[in-house]
Amino acid sequence: KRLSLLVVLFLLLWAGIAHILIYLTDSTVPLTDAFTTSLSIVGMYMLARKYVEQWYVWLVVDIVSSALYVYKDLYFTAALYAVYAIIAIFGYRKWKEMIIYENN
């Protein structure tokens, strides 16, 4: 149930932000910008609620953002988001380790 509510929230945010970017800005990649922004909002919510699955969300955001910045010829920023993706992997592993430790 929680996952389905988060998916609905993400889709509503994506549609709303995409609409704003398409009609009110000169973004050349409004759907991708809206995707990463809306997924980041969901990721922040999940982080605030301490859901371990939020690391998956950040991993997707970071990979998509890195590809987007390569597309936009912003290579330093793309590399930064690639590093963030690696950090997300380690963050997930650390949280899982902490959960196992706390349950023993």
Protein backbone atom coordinates (compact mmCIF):
# COMPACT_ATOMS: atom_id res chain seq x y z
CA LYS A 1 0.00 0.00 0.00
CA ARG A 2 2.79 2.42 0.92
CA LEU A 3 4.57 1.78 -2.38
CA SER A 4 1.42 2.37 -4.43
CA LEU A 5 0.79 5.69 -2.67
CA LEU A 6 4.37 6.78 -3.33
CA VAL A 7 4.07 5.80 -7.00
CA VAL A 8 0.85 7.82 -7.32
CA LEU A 9 2.51 10.79 -5.60
CA PHE A 10 5.48 10.52 -7.95
CA LEU A 11 3.27 10.36 -11.06
CA LEU A 12 1.19 13.36 -9.96
CA LEU A 13 4.31 15.38 -9.20
CA TRP A 14 5.92 14.36 -12.49
CA ALA A 15 2.88 15.40 -14.50
CA GLY A 16 2.51 18.69 -12.64
CA ILE A 17 6.16 19.66 -12.79
CA ALA A 18 6.41 18.61 -16.45
CA HIS A 19 3.40 20.79 -17.27
CA ILE A 20 5.06 23.77 -15.58
CA LEU A 21 8.38 23.16 -17.32
CA ILE A 22 6.81 22.67 -20.73
CA TYR A 23 4.57 25.73 -20.67
CA LEU A 24 6.39 28.18 -18.41
CA THR A 25 10.10 27.60 -19.05
CA ASP A 26 12.49 27.12 -21.92
CA SER A 27 13.76 23.75 -20.66
CA THR A 28 15.00 21.56 -23.48
CA VAL A 29 14.44 18.40 -21.43
CA PRO A 30 11.29 19.10 -19.40
CA LEU A 31 10.18 15.49 -18.96
CA THR A 32 13.55 14.36 -17.66
CA ASP A 33 13.91 17.44 -15.45
CA ALA A 34 10.44 16.81 -14.06
CA PHE A 35 11.24 13.12 -13.55
CA THR A 36 14.35 13.78 -11.47
CA THR A 37 12.71 16.59 -9.51
CA SER A 38 9.57 14.64 -8.66
CA LEU A 39 11.49 11.49 -7.81
CA SER A 40 13.80 13.56 -5.59
CA ILE A 41 10.78 14.92 -3.71
CA VAL A 42 9.55 11.38 -3.14
CA GLY A 43 13.07 10.36 -2.09
CA MET A 44 13.20 13.19 0.46
CA TYR A 45 9.84 12.09 1.88
CA MET A 46 11.09 8.52 2.13
CA LEU A 47 14.31 9.69 3.79
CA ALA A 48 12.33 11.70 6.36
CA ARG A 49 10.33 8.54 7.13
CA LYS A 50 13.57 6.50 7.25
CA TYR A 51 12.53 4.00 4.58
CA VAL A 52 15.58 2.00 3.55
CA GLU A 53 14.13 1.77 0.02
CA GLN A 54 14.79 5.48 -0.42
CA TRP A 55 18.32 4.54 -1.46
CA TYR A 56 16.90 2.88 -4.58
CA VAL A 57 15.13 6.12 -5.40
CA TRP A 58 18.34 8.13 -5.00
CA LEU A 59 20.22 5.64 -7.13
CA VAL A 60 17.73 6.09 -9.98
CA VAL A 61 17.75 9.89 -9.57
CA ASP A 62 21.55 9.95 -9.64
CA ILE A 63 21.90 7.69 -12.68
CA VAL A 64 19.26 9.57 -14.68
CA SER A 65 20.71 12.92 -13.61
CA SER A 66 24.21 11.85 -14.60
CA ALA A 67 22.99 10.82 -18.05
CA LEU A 68 21.01 14.06 -18.37
CA TYR A 69 24.07 16.15 -17.56
CA VAL A 70 26.19 14.25 -20.08
CA TYR A 71 23.47 14.99 -22.65
CA LYS A 72 23.65 18.68 -21.69
CA ASP A 73 27.49 18.62 -21.94
CA LEU A 74 27.86 19.31 -18.21
CA TYR A 75 30.49 16.69 -17.61
CA PHE A 76 31.68 17.76 -14.17
CA THR A 77 28.10 17.71 -12.86
CA ALA A 78 27.53 14.35 -14.55
CA ALA A 79 30.59 12.96 -12.78
CA LEU A 80 29.34 14.38 -9.48
CA TYR A 81 26.01 12.57 -9.87
CA ALA A 82 27.87 9.37 -10.78
CA VAL A 83 29.70 9.71 -7.45
CA TYR A 84 26.34 10.27 -5.75
CA ALA A 85 25.12 7.00 -7.30
CA ILE A 86 28.07 5.18 -5.76
CA ILE A 87 27.34 6.84 -2.42
CA ALA A 88 23.72 5.68 -2.67
CA ILE A 89 24.90 2.08 -3.07
CA PHE A 90 27.10 2.36 0.02
CA GLY A 91 24.32 4.16 1.90
CA TYR A 92 21.90 1.34 1.16
CA ARG A 93 24.40 -1.27 2.30
CA LYS A 94 25.13 0.63 5.50
CA TRP A 95 21.45 1.08 6.35
CA LYS A 96 20.78 -2.62 5.74
CA GLU A 97 23.74 -3.49 7.97
CA MET A 98 22.41 -1.18 10.70
CA ILE A 99 18.95 -2.75 10.47
CA ILE A 100 20.41 -6.25 10.81
CA TYR A 101 22.54 -5.12 13.75
CA GLU A 102 19.57 -3.47 15.49
CA ASN A 103 17.40 -6.58 15.07
CA ASN A 104 19.96 -8.88 16.70
